[in-house]
Amino acid sequence: MSDLIQPPLNLNQLVQAAHEKNNYDELLELTPYAKLLGIECLRLGDDMVFRIAANKDNIGNPILPAIHGGVIAGFMEHSAMLHLLMFMGAPHFPKIIDFSIDYLRAGHYRDTFASCQVWRQGRRVANVAITAWQTTRSEPIATARAHFKVDES
């Protein structure tokens, strides 16, 4: 019976190990939607870049073809949540309060990238700006703002 008891998940240890190895796969496995989308991340100095590879299952408009807007929004929201998890030092996943997205151009059938910037992180709430692009960072396909609850109370 004791073999079935799992020790409590220590996110801080997982984050620290991921930073040391520059491999975030174990953290991504903890979020089913990130796993479904195929989100990958790479740390470049103090920056984190998130990526979803071109995937026919993510197409919303087969005529262009273009990625479904919900996939883009979900990718951006999860990127922000993962970014906070990796840099805020809290032992739990941040919880989304609100999310606002501006679609700027079609997200064509190709790899899509996102980066996040924390504008403010208080004891209870964090504000994050997210930018998604495909070919060049200076031509984003969408920008978003998200607010997350970062305390457990």
C-alpha atoms as a PDB file:
ATOM      1  CA  MET A   1       0.000   0.000   0.000  1.00  0.00           C
ATOM      2  CA  SER A   2       2.826   2.458   0.781  1.00  0.00           C
ATOM      3  CA  ASP A   3       4.126   2.038  -2.807  1.00  0.00           C
ATOM      4  CA  LEU A   4       0.956   3.761  -4.051  1.00  0.00           C
ATOM      5  CA  ILE A   5       1.448   6.890  -1.945  1.00  0.00           C
ATOM      6  CA  GLN A   6       3.030   9.642  -4.009  1.00  0.00           C
ATOM      7  CA  PRO A   7       5.198  12.247  -2.283  1.00  0.00           C
ATOM      8  CA  PRO A   8       3.848  15.803  -2.652  1.00  0.00           C
ATOM      9  CA  LEU A   9       4.919  17.522  -5.846  1.00  0.00           C
ATOM     10  CA  ASN A  10       7.641  20.093  -5.219  1.00  0.00           C
ATOM     11  CA  LEU A  11       7.410  22.585  -8.070  1.00  0.00           C
ATOM     12  CA  ASN A  12      10.331  24.664  -6.801  1.00  0.00           C
ATOM     13  CA  GLN A  13      12.647  21.648  -7.069  1.00  0.00           C
ATOM     14  CA  LEU A  14      11.324  20.811 -10.557  1.00  0.00           C
ATOM     15  CA  VAL A  15      11.838  24.401 -11.704  1.00  0.00           C
ATOM     16  CA  GLN A  16      15.350  24.536 -10.271  1.00  0.00           C
ATOM     17  CA  ALA A  17      16.290  21.238 -11.940  1.00  0.00           C
ATOM     18  CA  ALA A  18      14.799  22.433 -15.243  1.00  0.00           C
ATOM     19  CA  HIS A  19      16.841  25.640 -15.085  1.00  0.00           C
ATOM     20  CA  GLU A  20      20.018  23.705 -14.320  1.00  0.00           C
ATOM     21  CA  LYS A  21      19.488  21.288 -17.232  1.00  0.00           C
ATOM     22  CA  ASN A  22      17.854  23.902 -19.535  1.00  0.00           C
ATOM     23  CA  ASN A  23      15.217  21.240 -20.115  1.00  0.00           C
ATOM     24  CA  TYR A  24      11.622  22.090 -19.188  1.00  0.00           C
ATOM     25  CA  ASP A  25       9.879  18.935 -20.454  1.00  0.00           C
ATOM     26  CA  GLU A  26       8.984  17.684 -16.951  1.00  0.00           C
ATOM     27  CA  LEU A  27       7.244  20.975 -16.116  1.00  0.00           C
ATOM     28  CA  LEU A  28       5.375  20.981 -19.420  1.00  0.00           C
ATOM     29  CA  GLU A  29       4.175  17.426 -18.752  1.00  0.00           C
ATOM     30  CA  LEU A  30       2.322  18.736 -15.666  1.00  0.00           C
ATOM     31  CA  THR A  31      -0.057  20.838 -17.790  1.00  0.00           C
ATOM     32  CA  PRO A  32      -2.218  18.654 -20.059  1.00  0.00           C
ATOM     33  CA  TYR A  33      -3.177  21.457 -22.488  1.00  0.00           C
ATOM     34  CA  ALA A  34       0.468  22.483 -22.929  1.00  0.00           C
ATOM     35  CA  LYS A  35       1.213  18.851 -23.684  1.00  0.00           C
ATOM     36  CA  LEU A  36      -1.705  18.655 -26.150  1.00  0.00           C
ATOM     37  CA  LEU A  37      -0.519  21.752 -28.022  1.00  0.00           C
ATOM     38  CA  GLY A  38       3.066  20.554 -27.965  1.00  0.00           C
ATOM     39  CA  ILE A  39       4.447  23.625 -26.215  1.00  0.00           C
ATOM     40  CA  GLU A  40       8.222  23.664 -25.967  1.00  0.00           C
ATOM     41  CA  CYS A  41      10.410  26.218 -24.234  1.00  0.00           C
ATOM     42  CA  LEU A  42      13.981  27.353 -24.428  1.00  0.00           C
ATOM     43  CA  ARG A  43      15.794  29.623 -22.032  1.00  0.00           C
ATOM     44  CA  LEU A  44      18.000  32.216 -23.709  1.00  0.00           C
ATOM     45  CA  GLY A  45      19.872  34.020 -20.947  1.00  0.00           C
ATOM     46  CA  ASP A  46      17.207  35.652 -18.793  1.00  0.00           C
ATOM     47  CA  ASP A  47      14.568  35.271 -21.518  1.00  0.00           C
ATOM     48  CA  MET A  48      12.277  32.327 -22.102  1.00  0.00           C
ATOM     49  CA  VAL A  49      10.917  31.617 -25.597  1.00  0.00           C
ATOM     50  CA  PHE A  50       7.955  29.287 -26.029  1.00  0.00           C
ATOM     51  CA  ARG A  51       7.174  27.442 -29.266  1.00  0.00           C
ATOM     52  CA  ILE A  52       4.449  25.334 -30.819  1.00  0.00           C
ATOM     53  CA  ALA A  53       5.393  23.485 -33.977  1.00  0.00           C
ATOM     54  CA  ALA A  54       3.204  23.632 -37.067  1.00  0.00           C
ATOM     55  CA  ASN A  55       0.475  21.040 -36.557  1.00  0.00           C
ATOM     56  CA  LYS A  56      -2.470  20.306 -38.864  1.00  0.00           C
ATOM     57  CA  ASP A  57      -4.670  19.668 -35.800  1.00  0.00           C
ATOM     58  CA  ASN A  58      -4.276  23.359 -34.830  1.00  0.00           C
ATOM     59  CA  ILE A  59      -5.661  24.733 -38.122  1.00  0.00           C
ATOM     60  CA  GLY A  60      -8.876  26.711 -37.827  1.00  0.00           C
ATOM     61  CA  ASN A  61      -9.079  28.074 -41.386  1.00  0.00           C
ATOM     62  CA  PRO A  62      -8.054  25.411 -43.918  1.00  0.00           C
ATOM     63  CA  ILE A  63      -8.273  27.836 -46.860  1.00  0.00           C
ATOM     64  CA  LEU A  64      -5.333  30.032 -45.761  1.00  0.00           C
ATOM     65  CA  PRO A  65      -4.366  27.693 -43.811  1.00  0.00           C
ATOM     66  CA  ALA A  66      -4.304  29.511 -40.475  1.00  0.00           C
ATOM     67  CA  ILE A  67      -4.016  28.419 -36.855  1.00  0.00           C
ATOM     68  CA  HIS A  68      -7.265  28.586 -34.874  1.00  0.00           C
ATOM     69  CA  GLY A  69      -7.489  31.712 -32.725  1.00  0.00           C
ATOM     70  CA  GLY A  70      -8.273  29.620 -29.651  1.00  0.00           C
ATOM     71  CA  VAL A  71      -5.052  27.685 -30.128  1.00  0.00           C
ATOM     72  CA  ILE A  72      -3.091  30.944 -30.342  1.00  0.00           C
ATOM     73  CA  ALA A  73      -4.816  32.316 -27.229  1.00  0.00           C
ATOM     74  CA  GLY A  74      -4.354  29.068 -25.284  1.00  0.00           C
ATOM     75  CA  PHE A  75      -0.690  28.941 -26.288  1.00  0.00           C
ATOM     76  CA  MET A  76      -0.152  32.530 -25.142  1.00  0.00           C
ATOM     77  CA  GLU A  77      -2.027  32.064 -21.856  1.00  0.00           C
ATOM     78  CA  HIS A  78      -0.095  28.900 -21.011  1.00  0.00           C
ATOM     79  CA  SER A  79       3.185  30.556 -21.985  1.00  0.00           C
ATOM     80  CA  ALA A  80       2.487  33.343 -19.482  1.00  0.00           C
ATOM     81  CA  MET A  81       1.490  30.895 -16.748  1.00  0.00           C
ATOM     82  CA  LEU A  82       4.607  28.784 -17.334  1.00  0.00           C
ATOM     83  CA  HIS A  83       6.798  31.892 -17.452  1.00  0.00           C
ATOM     84  CA  LEU A  84       5.502  32.966 -14.030  1.00  0.00           C
ATOM     85  CA  LEU A  85       5.955  29.472 -12.639  1.00  0.00           C
ATOM     86  CA  MET A  86       9.555  29.401 -13.825  1.00  0.00           C
ATOM     87  CA  PHE A  87      10.502  32.806 -12.451  1.00  0.00           C
ATOM     88  CA  MET A  88       8.257  33.641  -9.470  1.00  0.00           C
ATOM     89  CA  GLY A  89       9.470  31.010  -6.992  1.00  0.00           C
ATOM     90  CA  ALA A  90       6.008  29.992  -5.739  1.00  0.00           C
ATOM     91  CA  PRO A  91       5.321  26.327  -4.956  1.00  0.00           C
ATOM     92  CA  HIS A  92       2.096  26.203  -7.034  1.00  0.00           C
ATOM     93  CA  PHE A  93       0.732  27.022 -10.474  1.00  0.00           C
ATOM     94  CA  PRO A  94      -0.525  30.598 -10.948  1.00  0.00           C
ATOM     95  CA  LYS A  95      -4.282  30.845 -11.570  1.00  0.00           C
ATOM     96  CA  ILE A  96      -5.635  32.964 -14.431  1.00  0.00           C
ATOM     97  CA  ILE A  97      -7.811  35.924 -13.431  1.00  0.00           C
ATOM     98  CA  ASP A  98      -8.311  37.486 -16.843  1.00  0.00           C
ATOM     99  CA  PHE A  99      -6.852  37.398 -20.325  1.00  0.00           C
ATOM    100  CA  SER A 100      -7.190  39.868 -23.176  1.00  0.00           C
ATOM    101  CA  ILE A 101      -5.814  39.232 -26.656  1.00  0.00           C
ATOM    102  CA  ASP A 102      -5.374  41.359 -29.781  1.00  0.00           C
ATOM    103  CA  TYR A 103      -5.079  39.395 -33.027  1.00  0.00           C
ATOM    104  CA  LEU A 104      -2.859  41.405 -35.365  1.00  0.00           C
ATOM    105  CA  ARG A 105      -2.449  39.126 -38.386  1.00  0.00           C
ATOM    106  CA  ALA A 106      -3.183  35.553 -39.451  1.00  0.00           C
ATOM    107  CA  GLY A 107      -1.193  32.846 -37.744  1.00  0.00           C
ATOM    108  CA  HIS A 108      -0.219  30.801 -40.767  1.00  0.00           C
ATOM    109  CA  TYR A 109       0.584  27.110 -40.778  1.00  0.00           C
ATOM    110  CA  ARG A 110       4.142  27.312 -39.429  1.00  0.00           C
ATOM    111  CA  ASP A 111       5.951  27.293 -36.102  1.00  0.00           C
ATOM    112  CA  THR A 112       4.716  29.931 -33.662  1.00  0.00           C
ATOM    113  CA  PHE A 113       6.722  31.531 -30.868  1.00  0.00           C
ATOM    114  CA  ALA A 114       5.839  33.548 -27.766  1.00  0.00           C
ATOM    115  CA  SER A 115       7.713  35.573 -25.202  1.00  0.00           C
ATOM    116  CA  CYS A 116       6.479  37.076 -21.959  1.00  0.00           C
ATOM    117  CA  GLN A 117       7.262  40.116 -19.887  1.00  0.00           C
ATOM    118  CA  VAL A 118       6.127  40.450 -16.292  1.00  0.00           C
ATOM    119  CA  TRP A 119       4.998  44.050 -15.859  1.00  0.00           C
ATOM    120  CA  ARG A 120       4.250  43.718 -12.178  1.00  0.00           C
ATOM    121  CA  GLN A 121       4.325  40.937  -9.652  1.00  0.00           C
ATOM    122  CA  GLY A 122       2.862  41.617  -6.269  1.00  0.00           C
ATOM    123  CA  ARG A 123       2.154  39.257  -3.398  1.00  0.00           C
ATOM    124  CA  ARG A 124      -1.237  38.285  -4.805  1.00  0.00           C
ATOM    125  CA  VAL A 125      -1.398  39.246  -8.490  1.00  0.00           C
ATOM    126  CA  ALA A 126       1.008  39.285 -11.422  1.00  0.00           C
ATOM    127  CA  ASN A 127       0.504  41.163 -14.705  1.00  0.00           C
ATOM    128  CA  VAL A 128       2.089  39.658 -17.814  1.00  0.00           C
ATOM    129  CA  ALA A 129       2.372  40.893 -21.416  1.00  0.00           C
ATOM    130  CA  ILE A 130       2.688  38.205 -24.090  1.00  0.00           C
ATOM    131  CA  THR A 131       3.777  38.553 -27.717  1.00  0.00           C
ATOM    132  CA  ALA A 132       3.368  35.808 -30.315  1.00  0.00           C
ATOM    133  CA  TRP A 133       5.110  35.789 -33.702  1.00  0.00           C
ATOM    134  CA  GLN A 134       6.048  33.427 -36.490  1.00  0.00           C
ATOM    135  CA  THR A 135       8.735  34.674 -38.854  1.00  0.00           C
ATOM    136  CA  THR A 136      10.099  37.694 -37.028  1.00  0.00           C
ATOM    137  CA  ARG A 137       9.555  39.060 -33.546  1.00  0.00           C
ATOM    138  CA  SER A 138       9.014  42.556 -34.942  1.00  0.00           C
ATOM    139  CA  GLU A 139       5.870  41.334 -36.772  1.00  0.00           C
ATOM    140  CA  PRO A 140       3.699  39.775 -34.053  1.00  0.00           C
ATOM    141  CA  ILE A 141       0.592  37.794 -34.942  1.00  0.00           C
ATOM    142  CA  ALA A 142      -0.964  38.592 -31.540  1.00  0.00           C
ATOM    143  CA  THR A 143      -0.341  40.422 -28.303  1.00  0.00           C
ATOM    144  CA  ALA A 144      -2.046  39.724 -24.997  1.00  0.00           C
ATOM    145  CA  ARG A 145      -2.261  40.817 -21.396  1.00  0.00           C
ATOM    146  CA  ALA A 146      -2.939  38.430 -18.549  1.00  0.00           C
ATOM    147  CA  HIS A 147      -3.479  38.748 -14.823  1.00  0.00           C
ATOM    148  CA  PHE A 148      -2.747  35.794 -12.577  1.00  0.00           C
ATOM    149  CA  LYS A 149      -3.428  35.076  -8.931  1.00  0.00           C
ATOM    150  CA  VAL A 150      -0.069  34.020  -7.528  1.00  0.00           C
ATOM    151  CA  ASP A 151      -0.893  33.368  -3.869  1.00  0.00           C
ATOM    152  CA  GLU A 152      -2.681  30.229  -2.684  1.00  0.00           C
ATOM    153  CA  SER A 153      -5.211  31.881  -0.379  1.00  0.00           C
END
